[in-house]
Amino acid sequence: MNNKEAIISLTQSEKIKSGLIWATNCLQRLPGPGETEGRGGEPIAAALVDMVSAEAILAKRLGNDRRWEQVVAGIEKARVMILSGVAPEGAYHLTRALQYVTAIGRRAMSHLKERNLL
């Protein structure tokens, strides 16, 4: 990892972590299968997950860390859960993605600290 990649990874990871936390919280509040009340929140949750996904895809293209692939895959699984009507189940996949994002950010921060850039 070079300095540029570390800076991109750190900034993207912070942005994506925030989005994942928001999206996970949103999904956990949506109704489960068979419940009809509150279904109007699903399009909003899907839009939020799509925005976070776009940032993760950008980070994957710009960064040099293969864990971004796992992040994107987890977000996509959550999106499938939303579209399948089991939105709260998608929170699990977003939480897994959050673990990868946290590890990426930690690695980038360590790199920058070692070089006295942070």
PDB file of N, CA and C in Angstrom:
ATOM      1  N   MET A   1       0.857  -1.181   0.000  1.00  0.00           N
ATOM      2  CA  MET A   1       0.000   0.000   0.000  1.00  0.00           C
ATOM      3  C   MET A   1       0.894   1.232   0.000  1.00  0.00           C
ATOM      4  N   ASN A   2       0.619   2.122  -0.936  1.00  0.00           N
ATOM      5  CA  ASN A   2       1.378   3.367  -0.945  1.00  0.00           C
ATOM      6  C   ASN A   2       0.568   4.459  -0.219  1.00  0.00           C
ATOM      7  N   ASN A   3       1.178   5.631  -0.076  1.00  0.00           N
ATOM      8  CA  ASN A   3       0.531   6.707   0.685  1.00  0.00           C
ATOM      9  C   ASN A   3      -0.798   7.131   0.072  1.00  0.00           C
ATOM     10  N   LYS A   4      -0.837   7.239  -1.239  1.00  0.00           N
ATOM     11  CA  LYS A   4      -2.065   7.649  -1.915  1.00  0.00           C
ATOM     12  C   LYS A   4      -3.187   6.638  -1.668  1.00  0.00           C
ATOM     13  N   GLU A   5      -2.877   5.365  -1.813  1.00  0.00           N
ATOM     14  CA  GLU A   5      -3.876   4.317  -1.572  1.00  0.00           C
ATOM     15  C   GLU A   5      -4.342   4.330  -0.119  1.00  0.00           C
ATOM     16  N   ALA A   6      -3.423   4.580   0.791  1.00  0.00           N
ATOM     17  CA  ALA A   6      -3.780   4.620   2.212  1.00  0.00           C
ATOM     18  C   ALA A   6      -4.734   5.780   2.505  1.00  0.00           C
ATOM     19  N   ILE A   7      -4.466   6.927   1.919  1.00  0.00           N
ATOM     20  CA  ILE A   7      -5.341   8.087   2.131  1.00  0.00           C
ATOM     21  C   ILE A   7      -6.727   7.817   1.557  1.00  0.00           C
ATOM     22  N   ILE A   8      -6.777   7.264   0.354  1.00  0.00           N
ATOM     23  CA  ILE A   8      -8.066   6.938  -0.265  1.00  0.00           C
ATOM     24  C   ILE A   8      -8.800   5.906   0.577  1.00  0.00           C
ATOM     25  N   SER A   9      -8.100   4.864   1.004  1.00  0.00           N
ATOM     26  CA  SER A   9      -8.725   3.812   1.805  1.00  0.00           C
ATOM     27  C   SER A   9      -9.249   4.354   3.127  1.00  0.00           C
ATOM     28  N   LEU A  10      -8.480   5.217   3.760  1.00  0.00           N
ATOM     29  CA  LEU A  10      -8.910   5.764   5.040  1.00  0.00           C
ATOM     30  C   LEU A  10     -10.141   6.650   4.877  1.00  0.00           C
ATOM     31  N   THR A  11     -10.118   7.542   3.914  1.00  0.00           N
ATOM     32  CA  THR A  11     -11.256   8.450   3.742  1.00  0.00           C
ATOM     33  C   THR A  11     -12.504   7.689   3.296  1.00  0.00           C
ATOM     34  N   GLN A  12     -12.346   6.768   2.369  1.00  0.00           N
ATOM     35  CA  GLN A  12     -13.498   5.987   1.914  1.00  0.00           C
ATOM     36  C   GLN A  12     -14.026   5.096   3.029  1.00  0.00           C
ATOM     37  N   SER A  13     -13.132   4.510   3.806  1.00  0.00           N
ATOM     38  CA  SER A  13     -13.600   3.622   4.872  1.00  0.00           C
ATOM     39  C   SER A  13     -14.419   4.382   5.909  1.00  0.00           C
ATOM     40  N   GLU A  14     -14.024   5.581   6.229  1.00  0.00           N
ATOM     41  CA  GLU A  14     -14.790   6.368   7.207  1.00  0.00           C
ATOM     42  C   GLU A  14     -16.171   6.717   6.666  1.00  0.00           C
ATOM     43  N   LYS A  15     -16.212   7.099   5.403  1.00  0.00           N
ATOM     44  CA  LYS A  15     -17.486   7.445   4.776  1.00  0.00           C
ATOM     45  C   LYS A  15     -18.394   6.212   4.698  1.00  0.00           C
ATOM     46  N   ILE A  16     -17.830   5.093   4.285  1.00  0.00           N
ATOM     47  CA  ILE A  16     -18.614   3.873   4.105  1.00  0.00           C
ATOM     48  C   ILE A  16     -19.048   3.310   5.451  1.00  0.00           C
ATOM     49  N   LYS A  17     -18.194   3.396   6.463  1.00  0.00           N
ATOM     50  CA  LYS A  17     -18.597   2.935   7.803  1.00  0.00           C
ATOM     51  C   LYS A  17     -19.844   3.669   8.264  1.00  0.00           C
ATOM     52  N   SER A  18     -19.866   4.971   8.107  1.00  0.00           N
ATOM     53  CA  SER A  18     -21.032   5.753   8.502  1.00  0.00           C
ATOM     54  C   SER A  18     -22.275   5.293   7.750  1.00  0.00           C
ATOM     55  N   GLY A  19     -22.140   5.120   6.451  1.00  0.00           N
ATOM     56  CA  GLY A  19     -23.275   4.674   5.642  1.00  0.00           C
ATOM     57  C   GLY A  19     -23.758   3.295   6.034  1.00  0.00           C
ATOM     58  N   LEU A  20     -22.831   2.399   6.332  1.00  0.00           N
ATOM     59  CA  LEU A  20     -23.222   1.046   6.734  1.00  0.00           C
ATOM     60  C   LEU A  20     -23.955   1.048   8.069  1.00  0.00           C
ATOM     61  N   ILE A  21     -23.506   1.872   8.981  1.00  0.00           N
ATOM     62  CA  ILE A  21     -24.178   1.958  10.284  1.00  0.00           C
ATOM     63  C   ILE A  21     -25.592   2.494  10.105  1.00  0.00           C
ATOM     64  N   TRP A  22     -25.744   3.540   9.309  1.00  0.00           N
ATOM     65  CA  TRP A  22     -27.080   4.099   9.035  1.00  0.00           C
ATOM     66  C   TRP A  22     -27.967   3.049   8.381  1.00  0.00           C
ATOM     67  N   ALA A  23     -27.436   2.389   7.346  1.00  0.00           N
ATOM     68  CA  ALA A  23     -28.235   1.415   6.599  1.00  0.00           C
ATOM     69  C   ALA A  23     -28.620   0.224   7.471  1.00  0.00           C
ATOM     70  N   THR A  24     -27.698  -0.246   8.287  1.00  0.00           N
ATOM     71  CA  THR A  24     -28.001  -1.375   9.173  1.00  0.00           C
ATOM     72  C   THR A  24     -29.107  -1.011  10.138  1.00  0.00           C
ATOM     73  N   ASN A  25     -29.012   0.161  10.723  1.00  0.00           N
ATOM     74  CA  ASN A  25     -30.041   0.625  11.650  1.00  0.00           C
ATOM     75  C   ASN A  25     -31.391   0.715  10.943  1.00  0.00           C
ATOM     76  N   CYS A  26     -31.387   1.207   9.737  1.00  0.00           N
ATOM     77  CA  CYS A  26     -32.612   1.345   8.945  1.00  0.00           C
ATOM     78  C   CYS A  26     -33.229  -0.031   8.670  1.00  0.00           C
ATOM     79  N   LEU A  27     -32.405  -0.983   8.244  1.00  0.00           N
ATOM     80  CA  LEU A  27     -32.914  -2.320   7.929  1.00  0.00           C
ATOM     81  C   LEU A  27     -33.487  -3.016   9.156  1.00  0.00           C
ATOM     82  N   GLN A  28     -32.861  -2.824  10.288  1.00  0.00           N
ATOM     83  CA  GLN A  28     -33.338  -3.466  11.514  1.00  0.00           C
ATOM     84  C   GLN A  28     -34.707  -2.958  11.938  1.00  0.00           C
ATOM     85  N   ARG A  29     -35.076  -1.787  11.489  1.00  0.00           N
ATOM     86  CA  ARG A  29     -36.359  -1.199  11.861  1.00  0.00           C
ATOM     87  C   ARG A  29     -37.486  -1.531  10.880  1.00  0.00           C
ATOM     88  N   LEU A  30     -37.139  -2.139   9.762  1.00  0.00           N
ATOM     89  CA  LEU A  30     -38.155  -2.479   8.766  1.00  0.00           C
ATOM     90  C   LEU A  30     -38.899  -3.751   9.179  1.00  0.00           C
ATOM     91  N   PRO A  31     -40.135  -3.901   8.703  1.00  0.00           N
ATOM     92  CA  PRO A  31     -40.913  -5.085   9.062  1.00  0.00           C
ATOM     93  C   PRO A  31     -40.341  -6.346   8.420  1.00  0.00           C
ATOM     94  N   GLY A  32     -40.588  -7.459   9.074  1.00  0.00           N
ATOM     95  CA  GLY A  32     -40.140  -8.745   8.560  1.00  0.00           C
ATOM     96  C   GLY A  32     -41.157  -9.327   7.601  1.00  0.00           C
ATOM     97  N   PRO A  33     -40.927 -10.551   7.157  1.00  0.00           N
ATOM     98  CA  PRO A  33     -41.851 -11.196   6.225  1.00  0.00           C
ATOM     99  C   PRO A  33     -43.249 -11.338   6.843  1.00  0.00           C
ATOM    100  N   GLY A  34     -44.251 -11.101   6.040  1.00  0.00           N
ATOM    101  CA  GLY A  34     -45.631 -11.243   6.507  1.00  0.00           C
ATOM    102  C   GLY A  34     -46.205  -9.998   7.150  1.00  0.00           C
ATOM    103  N   GLU A  35     -45.370  -9.070   7.525  1.00  0.00           N
ATOM    104  CA  GLU A  35     -45.843  -7.828   8.122  1.00  0.00           C
ATOM    105  C   GLU A  35     -46.068  -6.821   6.998  1.00  0.00           C
ATOM    106  N   THR A  36     -47.201  -6.154   7.041  1.00  0.00           N
ATOM    107  CA  THR A  36     -47.506  -5.204   5.958  1.00  0.00           C
ATOM    108  C   THR A  36     -47.246  -3.764   6.369  1.00  0.00           C
ATOM    109  N   GLU A  37     -47.436  -3.459   7.616  1.00  0.00           N
ATOM    110  CA  GLU A  37     -47.238  -2.082   8.071  1.00  0.00           C
ATOM    111  C   GLU A  37     -45.753  -1.736   8.074  1.00  0.00           C
ATOM    112  N   GLY A  38     -45.433  -0.589   7.511  1.00  0.00           N
ATOM    113  CA  GLY A  38     -44.054  -0.119   7.499  1.00  0.00           C
ATOM    114  C   GLY A  38     -43.275  -0.493   6.257  1.00  0.00           C
ATOM    115  N   ARG A  39     -43.912  -1.104   5.281  1.00  0.00           N
ATOM    116  CA  ARG A  39     -43.232  -1.502   4.048  1.00  0.00           C
ATOM    117  C   ARG A  39     -42.765  -0.306   3.224  1.00  0.00           C
ATOM    118  N   GLY A  40     -43.314   0.851   3.479  1.00  0.00           N
ATOM    119  CA  GLY A  40     -42.929   2.045   2.729  1.00  0.00           C
ATOM    120  C   GLY A  40     -41.488   2.447   2.943  1.00  0.00           C
ATOM    121  N   GLY A  41     -40.862   1.939   3.978  1.00  0.00           N
ATOM    122  CA  GLY A  41     -39.466   2.261   4.245  1.00  0.00           C
ATOM    123  C   GLY A  41     -38.482   1.478   3.396  1.00  0.00           C
ATOM    124  N   GLU A  42     -38.943   0.417   2.754  1.00  0.00           N
ATOM    125  CA  GLU A  42     -38.033  -0.414   1.963  1.00  0.00           C
ATOM    126  C   GLU A  42     -37.378   0.337   0.804  1.00  0.00           C
ATOM    127  N   PRO A  43     -38.125   1.159   0.044  1.00  0.00           N
ATOM    128  CA  PRO A  43     -37.460   1.906  -1.033  1.00  0.00           C
ATOM    129  C   PRO A  43     -36.402   2.883  -0.505  1.00  0.00           C
ATOM    130  N   ILE A  44     -36.660   3.457   0.638  1.00  0.00           N
ATOM    131  CA  ILE A  44     -35.680   4.367   1.233  1.00  0.00           C
ATOM    132  C   ILE A  44     -34.435   3.595   1.653  1.00  0.00           C
ATOM    133  N   ALA A  45     -34.646   2.443   2.279  1.00  0.00           N
ATOM    134  CA  ALA A  45     -33.517   1.612   2.696  1.00  0.00           C
ATOM    135  C   ALA A  45     -32.718   1.153   1.480  1.00  0.00           C
ATOM    136  N   ALA A  46     -33.414   0.768   0.417  1.00  0.00           N
ATOM    137  CA  ALA A  46     -32.733   0.321  -0.800  1.00  0.00           C
ATOM    138  C   ALA A  46     -31.900   1.457  -1.400  1.00  0.00           C
ATOM    139  N   ALA A  47     -32.449   2.670  -1.394  1.00  0.00           N
ATOM    140  CA  ALA A  47     -31.708   3.819  -1.921  1.00  0.00           C
ATOM    141  C   ALA A  47     -30.458   4.089  -1.090  1.00  0.00           C
ATOM    142  N   LEU A  48     -30.578   3.997   0.227  1.00  0.00           N
ATOM    143  CA  LEU A  48     -29.430   4.211   1.105  1.00  0.00           C
ATOM    144  C   LEU A  48     -28.360   3.151   0.855  1.00  0.00           C
ATOM    145  N   VAL A  49     -28.776   1.903   0.757  1.00  0.00           N
ATOM    146  CA  VAL A  49     -27.829   0.817   0.492  1.00  0.00           C
ATOM    147  C   VAL A  49     -27.170   1.009  -0.876  1.00  0.00           C
ATOM    148  N   ASP A  50     -27.924   1.478  -1.861  1.00  0.00           N
ATOM    149  CA  ASP A  50     -27.350   1.738  -3.187  1.00  0.00           C
ATOM    150  C   ASP A  50     -26.273   2.822  -3.123  1.00  0.00           C
ATOM    151  N   MET A  51     -26.519   3.868  -2.341  1.00  0.00           N
ATOM    152  CA  MET A  51     -25.529   4.936  -2.218  1.00  0.00           C
ATOM    153  C   MET A  51     -24.249   4.438  -1.562  1.00  0.00           C
ATOM    154  N   VAL A  52     -24.393   3.628  -0.525  1.00  0.00           N
ATOM    155  CA  VAL A  52     -23.220   3.068   0.147  1.00  0.00           C
ATOM    156  C   VAL A  52     -22.488   2.124  -0.804  1.00  0.00           C
ATOM    157  N   SER A  53     -23.250   1.363  -1.565  1.00  0.00           N
ATOM    158  CA  SER A  53     -22.650   0.448  -2.537  1.00  0.00           C
ATOM    159  C   SER A  53     -21.815   1.204  -3.564  1.00  0.00           C
ATOM    160  N   ALA A  54     -22.317   2.323  -4.050  1.00  0.00           N
ATOM    161  CA  ALA A  54     -21.580   3.116  -5.032  1.00  0.00           C
ATOM    162  C   ALA A  54     -20.239   3.583  -4.461  1.00  0.00           C
ATOM    163  N   GLU A  55     -20.232   3.989  -3.210  1.00  0.00           N
ATOM    164  CA  GLU A  55     -18.976   4.424  -2.572  1.00  0.00           C
ATOM    165  C   GLU A  55     -18.022   3.250  -2.399  1.00  0.00           C
ATOM    166  N   ALA A  56     -18.554   2.070  -2.062  1.00  0.00           N
ATOM    167  CA  ALA A  56     -17.708   0.887  -1.889  1.00  0.00           C
ATOM    168  C   ALA A  56     -17.112   0.450  -3.231  1.00  0.00           C
ATOM    169  N   ILE A  57     -17.906   0.531  -4.291  1.00  0.00           N
ATOM    170  CA  ILE A  57     -17.397   0.183  -5.623  1.00  0.00           C
ATOM    171  C   ILE A  57     -16.291   1.153  -6.034  1.00  0.00           C
ATOM    172  N   LEU A  58     -16.482   2.423  -5.746  1.00  0.00           N
ATOM    173  CA  LEU A  58     -15.446   3.416  -6.032  1.00  0.00           C
ATOM    174  C   LEU A  58     -14.175   3.102  -5.253  1.00  0.00           C
ATOM    175  N   ALA A  59     -14.310   2.787  -3.970  1.00  0.00           N
ATOM    176  CA  ALA A  59     -13.147   2.450  -3.146  1.00  0.00           C
ATOM    177  C   ALA A  59     -12.436   1.215  -3.687  1.00  0.00           C
ATOM    178  N   LYS A  60     -13.203   0.252  -4.146  1.00  0.00           N
ATOM    179  CA  LYS A  60     -12.623  -0.971  -4.715  1.00  0.00           C
ATOM    180  C   LYS A  60     -11.804  -0.648  -5.961  1.00  0.00           C
ATOM    181  N   ARG A  61     -12.307   0.265  -6.784  1.00  0.00           N
ATOM    182  CA  ARG A  61     -11.588   0.636  -8.008  1.00  0.00           C
ATOM    183  C   ARG A  61     -10.331   1.445  -7.717  1.00  0.00           C
ATOM    184  N   LEU A  62     -10.401   2.314  -6.709  1.00  0.00           N
ATOM    185  CA  LEU A  62      -9.279   3.195  -6.412  1.00  0.00           C
ATOM    186  C   LEU A  62      -8.248   2.567  -5.486  1.00  0.00           C
ATOM    187  N   GLY A  63      -8.712   1.696  -4.607  1.00  0.00           N
ATOM    188  CA  GLY A  63      -7.823   1.113  -3.613  1.00  0.00           C
ATOM    189  C   GLY A  63      -7.168  -0.161  -4.105  1.00  0.00           C
ATOM    190  N   ASN A  64      -6.224  -0.612  -3.323  1.00  0.00           N
ATOM    191  CA  ASN A  64      -5.500  -1.825  -3.696  1.00  0.00           C
ATOM    192  C   ASN A  64      -5.660  -2.868  -2.593  1.00  0.00           C
ATOM    193  N   ASP A  65      -6.882  -2.991  -2.085  1.00  0.00           N
ATOM    194  CA  ASP A  65      -7.142  -3.936  -1.004  1.00  0.00           C
ATOM    195  C   ASP A  65      -8.274  -4.858  -1.445  1.00  0.00           C
ATOM    196  N   ARG A  66      -7.994  -6.126  -1.505  1.00  0.00           N
ATOM    197  CA  ARG A  66      -8.974  -7.101  -1.990  1.00  0.00           C
ATOM    198  C   ARG A  66     -10.185  -7.211  -1.073  1.00  0.00           C
ATOM    199  N   ARG A  67     -10.079  -6.720   0.144  1.00  0.00           N
ATOM    200  CA  ARG A  67     -11.225  -6.795   1.059  1.00  0.00           C
ATOM    201  C   ARG A  67     -12.382  -5.926   0.595  1.00  0.00           C
ATOM    202  N   TRP A  68     -12.118  -4.954  -0.266  1.00  0.00           N
ATOM    203  CA  TRP A  68     -13.219  -4.146  -0.804  1.00  0.00           C
ATOM    204  C   TRP A  68     -14.203  -5.028  -1.564  1.00  0.00           C
ATOM    205  N   GLU A  69     -13.698  -6.104  -2.186  1.00  0.00           N
ATOM    206  CA  GLU A  69     -14.589  -7.039  -2.891  1.00  0.00           C
ATOM    207  C   GLU A  69     -15.582  -7.666  -1.923  1.00  0.00           C
ATOM    208  N   GLN A  70     -15.110  -8.002  -0.735  1.00  0.00           N
ATOM    209  CA  GLN A  70     -15.989  -8.583   0.287  1.00  0.00           C
ATOM    210  C   GLN A  70     -17.024  -7.564   0.761  1.00  0.00           C
ATOM    211  N   VAL A  71     -16.605  -6.320   0.846  1.00  0.00           N
ATOM    212  CA  VAL A  71     -17.517  -5.247   1.257  1.00  0.00           C
ATOM    213  C   VAL A  71     -18.632  -5.112   0.226  1.00  0.00           C
ATOM    214  N   VAL A  72     -18.255  -5.024  -1.036  1.00  0.00           N
ATOM    215  CA  VAL A  72     -19.247  -4.874  -2.112  1.00  0.00           C
ATOM    216  C   VAL A  72     -20.181  -6.081  -2.136  1.00  0.00           C
ATOM    217  N   ALA A  73     -19.632  -7.277  -1.976  1.00  0.00           N
ATOM    218  CA  ALA A  73     -20.458  -8.495  -1.985  1.00  0.00           C
ATOM    219  C   ALA A  73     -21.465  -8.486  -0.836  1.00  0.00           C
ATOM    220  N   GLY A  74     -21.038  -8.072   0.337  1.00  0.00           N
ATOM    221  CA  GLY A  74     -21.937  -8.012   1.489  1.00  0.00           C
ATOM    222  C   GLY A  74     -23.064  -7.014   1.288  1.00  0.00           C
ATOM    223  N   ILE A  75     -22.726  -5.875   0.719  1.00  0.00           N
ATOM    224  CA  ILE A  75     -23.742  -4.855   0.461  1.00  0.00           C
ATOM    225  C   ILE A  75     -24.746  -5.366  -0.576  1.00  0.00           C
ATOM    226  N   GLU A  76     -24.238  -6.055  -1.593  1.00  0.00           N
ATOM    227  CA  GLU A  76     -25.135  -6.612  -2.628  1.00  0.00           C
ATOM    228  C   GLU A  76     -26.075  -7.662  -2.030  1.00  0.00           C
ATOM    229  N   LYS A  77     -25.567  -8.480  -1.120  1.00  0.00           N
ATOM    230  CA  LYS A  77     -26.424  -9.476  -0.463  1.00  0.00           C
ATOM    231  C   LYS A  77     -27.519  -8.789   0.343  1.00  0.00           C
ATOM    232  N   ALA A  78     -27.181  -7.708   1.004  1.00  0.00           N
ATOM    233  CA  ALA A  78     -28.181  -6.958   1.763  1.00  0.00           C
ATOM    234  C   ALA A  78     -29.238  -6.393   0.827  1.00  0.00           C
ATOM    235  N   ARG A  79     -28.804  -5.911  -0.318  1.00  0.00           N
ATOM    236  CA  ARG A  79     -29.745  -5.358  -1.308  1.00  0.00           C
ATOM    237  C   ARG A  79     -30.718  -6.437  -1.781  1.00  0.00           C
ATOM    238  N   VAL A  80     -30.205  -7.635  -2.016  1.00  0.00           N
ATOM    239  CA  VAL A  80     -31.061  -8.755  -2.423  1.00  0.00           C
ATOM    240  C   VAL A  80     -32.087  -9.050  -1.335  1.00  0.00           C
ATOM    241  N   MET A  81     -31.665  -8.985  -0.085  1.00  0.00           N
ATOM    242  CA  MET A  81     -32.589  -9.237   1.034  1.00  0.00           C
ATOM    243  C   MET A  81     -33.714  -8.207   1.049  1.00  0.00           C
ATOM    244  N   ILE A  82     -33.370  -6.955   0.789  1.00  0.00           N
ATOM    245  CA  ILE A  82     -34.383  -5.898   0.757  1.00  0.00           C
ATOM    246  C   ILE A  82     -35.387  -6.186  -0.351  1.00  0.00           C
ATOM    247  N   LEU A  83     -34.881  -6.482  -1.536  1.00  0.00           N
ATOM    248  CA  LEU A  83     -35.744  -6.742  -2.690  1.00  0.00           C
ATOM    249  C   LEU A  83     -36.570  -8.012  -2.522  1.00  0.00           C
ATOM    250  N   SER A  84     -36.100  -8.927  -1.680  1.00  0.00           N
ATOM    251  CA  SER A  84     -36.816 -10.184  -1.440  1.00  0.00           C
ATOM    252  C   SER A  84     -37.856 -10.073  -0.334  1.00  0.00           C
ATOM    253  N   GLY A  85     -37.950  -8.900   0.279  1.00  0.00           N
ATOM    254  CA  GLY A  85     -38.946  -8.703   1.331  1.00  0.00           C
ATOM    255  C   GLY A  85     -38.507  -9.136   2.716  1.00  0.00           C
ATOM    256  N   VAL A  86     -37.232  -9.416   2.875  1.00  0.00           N
ATOM    257  CA  VAL A  86     -36.707  -9.791   4.199  1.00  0.00           C
ATOM    258  C   VAL A  86     -35.588  -8.819   4.585  1.00  0.00           C
ATOM    259  N   ALA A  87     -35.916  -7.543   4.500  1.00  0.00           N
ATOM    260  CA  ALA A  87     -34.928  -6.481   4.728  1.00  0.00           C
ATOM    261  C   ALA A  87     -34.159  -6.615   6.043  1.00  0.00           C
ATOM    262  N   PRO A  88     -34.815  -6.942   7.165  1.00  0.00           N
ATOM    263  CA  PRO A  88     -34.046  -7.022   8.415  1.00  0.00           C
ATOM    264  C   PRO A  88     -32.910  -8.051   8.358  1.00  0.00           C
ATOM    265  N   GLU A  89     -33.063  -9.080   7.523  1.00  0.00           N
ATOM    266  CA  GLU A  89     -32.004 -10.087   7.392  1.00  0.00           C
ATOM    267  C   GLU A  89     -30.762  -9.508   6.714  1.00  0.00           C
ATOM    268  N   GLY A  90     -30.930  -8.461   5.955  1.00  0.00           N
ATOM    269  CA  GLY A  90     -29.804  -7.821   5.284  1.00  0.00           C
ATOM    270  C   GLY A  90     -28.847  -7.153   6.245  1.00  0.00           C
ATOM    271  N   ALA A  91     -29.315  -6.836   7.441  1.00  0.00           N
ATOM    272  CA  ALA A  91     -28.457  -6.191   8.441  1.00  0.00           C
ATOM    273  C   ALA A  91     -27.235  -7.058   8.758  1.00  0.00           C
ATOM    274  N   TYR A  92     -27.415  -8.369   8.750  1.00  0.00           N
ATOM    275  CA  TYR A  92     -26.287  -9.279   8.999  1.00  0.00           C
ATOM    276  C   TYR A  92     -25.172  -9.048   7.975  1.00  0.00           C
ATOM    277  N   HIS A  93     -25.539  -8.953   6.705  1.00  0.00           N
ATOM    278  CA  HIS A  93     -24.544  -8.787   5.644  1.00  0.00           C
ATOM    279  C   HIS A  93     -23.870  -7.419   5.714  1.00  0.00           C
ATOM    280  N   LEU A  94     -24.632  -6.405   6.101  1.00  0.00           N
ATOM    281  CA  LEU A  94     -24.028  -5.079   6.260  1.00  0.00           C
ATOM    282  C   LEU A  94     -23.059  -5.054   7.439  1.00  0.00           C
ATOM    283  N   THR A  95     -23.387  -5.775   8.483  1.00  0.00           N
ATOM    284  CA  THR A  95     -22.494  -5.849   9.646  1.00  0.00           C
ATOM    285  C   THR A  95     -21.188  -6.549   9.272  1.00  0.00           C
ATOM    286  N   ARG A  96     -21.290  -7.602   8.474  1.00  0.00           N
ATOM    287  CA  ARG A  96     -20.074  -8.284   7.999  1.00  0.00           C
ATOM    288  C   ARG A  96     -19.236  -7.335   7.135  1.00  0.00           C
ATOM    289  N   ALA A  97     -19.902  -6.586   6.263  1.00  0.00           N
ATOM    290  CA  ALA A  97     -19.197  -5.621   5.418  1.00  0.00           C
ATOM    291  C   ALA A  97     -18.507  -4.574   6.289  1.00  0.00           C
ATOM    292  N   LEU A  98     -19.172  -4.165   7.356  1.00  0.00           N
ATOM    293  CA  LEU A  98     -18.604  -3.172   8.277  1.00  0.00           C
ATOM    294  C   LEU A  98     -17.316  -3.688   8.906  1.00  0.00           C
ATOM    295  N   GLN A  99     -17.249  -4.964   9.203  1.00  0.00           N
ATOM    296  CA  GLN A  99     -16.030  -5.544   9.765  1.00  0.00           C
ATOM    297  C   GLN A  99     -14.864  -5.413   8.785  1.00  0.00           C
ATOM    298  N   TYR A 100     -15.127  -5.681   7.521  1.00  0.00           N
ATOM    299  CA  TYR A 100     -14.078  -5.545   6.508  1.00  0.00           C
ATOM    300  C   TYR A 100     -13.650  -4.091   6.347  1.00  0.00           C
ATOM    301  N   VAL A 101     -14.616  -3.193   6.323  1.00  0.00           N
ATOM    302  CA  VAL A 101     -14.304  -1.771   6.156  1.00  0.00           C
ATOM    303  C   VAL A 101     -13.462  -1.270   7.328  1.00  0.00           C
ATOM    304  N   THR A 102     -13.798  -1.692   8.519  1.00  0.00           N
ATOM    305  CA  THR A 102     -13.030  -1.299   9.705  1.00  0.00           C
ATOM    306  C   THR A 102     -11.587  -1.795   9.602  1.00  0.00           C
ATOM    307  N   ALA A 103     -11.405  -3.024   9.133  1.00  0.00           N
ATOM    308  CA  ALA A 103     -10.054  -3.574   8.973  1.00  0.00           C
ATOM    309  C   ALA A 103      -9.268  -2.800   7.915  1.00  0.00           C
ATOM    310  N   ILE A 104      -9.918  -2.431   6.832  1.00  0.00           N
ATOM    311  CA  ILE A 104      -9.262  -1.654   5.783  1.00  0.00           C
ATOM    312  C   ILE A 104      -8.821  -0.296   6.330  1.00  0.00           C
ATOM    313  N   GLY A 105      -9.717   0.368   7.041  1.00  0.00           N
ATOM    314  CA  GLY A 105      -9.398   1.668   7.626  1.00  0.00           C
ATOM    315  C   GLY A 105      -8.266   1.583   8.635  1.00  0.00           C
ATOM    316  N   ARG A 106      -8.278   0.525   9.437  1.00  0.00           N
ATOM    317  CA  ARG A 106      -7.222   0.340  10.439  1.00  0.00           C
ATOM    318  C   ARG A 106      -5.868   0.147   9.762  1.00  0.00           C
ATOM    319  N   ARG A 107      -5.856  -0.642   8.702  1.00  0.00           N
ATOM    320  CA  ARG A 107      -4.596  -0.882   7.984  1.00  0.00           C
ATOM    321  C   ARG A 107      -4.084   0.414   7.360  1.00  0.00           C
ATOM    322  N   ALA A 108      -4.983   1.175   6.762  1.00  0.00           N
ATOM    323  CA  ALA A 108      -4.590   2.437   6.131  1.00  0.00           C
ATOM    324  C   ALA A 108      -4.078   3.424   7.172  1.00  0.00           C
ATOM    325  N   MET A 109      -4.755   3.493   8.312  1.00  0.00           N
ATOM    326  CA  MET A 109      -4.331   4.415   9.369  1.00  0.00           C
ATOM    327  C   MET A 109      -2.957   4.023   9.903  1.00  0.00           C
ATOM    328  N   SER A 110      -2.729   2.737  10.080  1.00  0.00           N
ATOM    329  CA  SER A 110      -1.420   2.271  10.548  1.00  0.00           C
ATOM    330  C   SER A 110      -0.323   2.651   9.560  1.00  0.00           C
ATOM    331  N   HIS A 111      -0.616   2.467   8.285  1.00  0.00           N
ATOM    332  CA  HIS A 111       0.353   2.828   7.244  1.00  0.00           C
ATOM    333  C   HIS A 111       0.716   4.314   7.345  1.00  0.00           C
ATOM    334  N   LEU A 112      -0.299   5.150   7.471  1.00  0.00           N
ATOM    335  CA  LEU A 112      -0.049   6.593   7.522  1.00  0.00           C
ATOM    336  C   LEU A 112       0.652   6.998   8.820  1.00  0.00           C
ATOM    337  N   LYS A 113       0.310   6.369   9.920  1.00  0.00           N
ATOM    338  CA  LYS A 113       0.982   6.676  11.194  1.00  0.00           C
ATOM    339  C   LYS A 113       2.444   6.277  11.163  1.00  0.00           C
ATOM    340  N   GLU A 114       2.734   5.128  10.572  1.00  0.00           N
ATOM    341  CA  GLU A 114       4.124   4.658  10.477  1.00  0.00           C
ATOM    342  C   GLU A 114       5.004   5.642   9.703  1.00  0.00           C
ATOM    343  N   ARG A 115       4.396   6.370   8.798  1.00  0.00           N
ATOM    344  CA  ARG A 115       5.143   7.329   7.980  1.00  0.00           C
ATOM    345  C   ARG A 115       4.973   8.752   8.468  1.00  0.00           C
ATOM    346  N   ASN A 116       4.433   8.895   9.673  1.00  0.00           N
ATOM    347  CA  ASN A 116       4.206  10.216  10.297  1.00  0.00           C
ATOM    348  C   ASN A 116       3.367  11.146   9.420  1.00  0.00           C
ATOM    349  N   LEU A 117       2.417  10.577   8.713  1.00  0.00           N
ATOM    350  CA  LEU A 117       1.523  11.376   7.877  1.00  0.00           C
ATOM    351  C   LEU A 117       0.179  11.598   8.549  1.00  0.00           C
ATOM    352  N   LEU A 118       0.019  11.003   9.698  1.00  0.00           N
ATOM    353  CA  LEU A 118      -1.231  11.146  10.423  1.00  0.00           C
ATOM    354  C   LEU A 118      -0.951  11.306  11.897  1.00  0.00           C
TER     355      LEU A 118
END
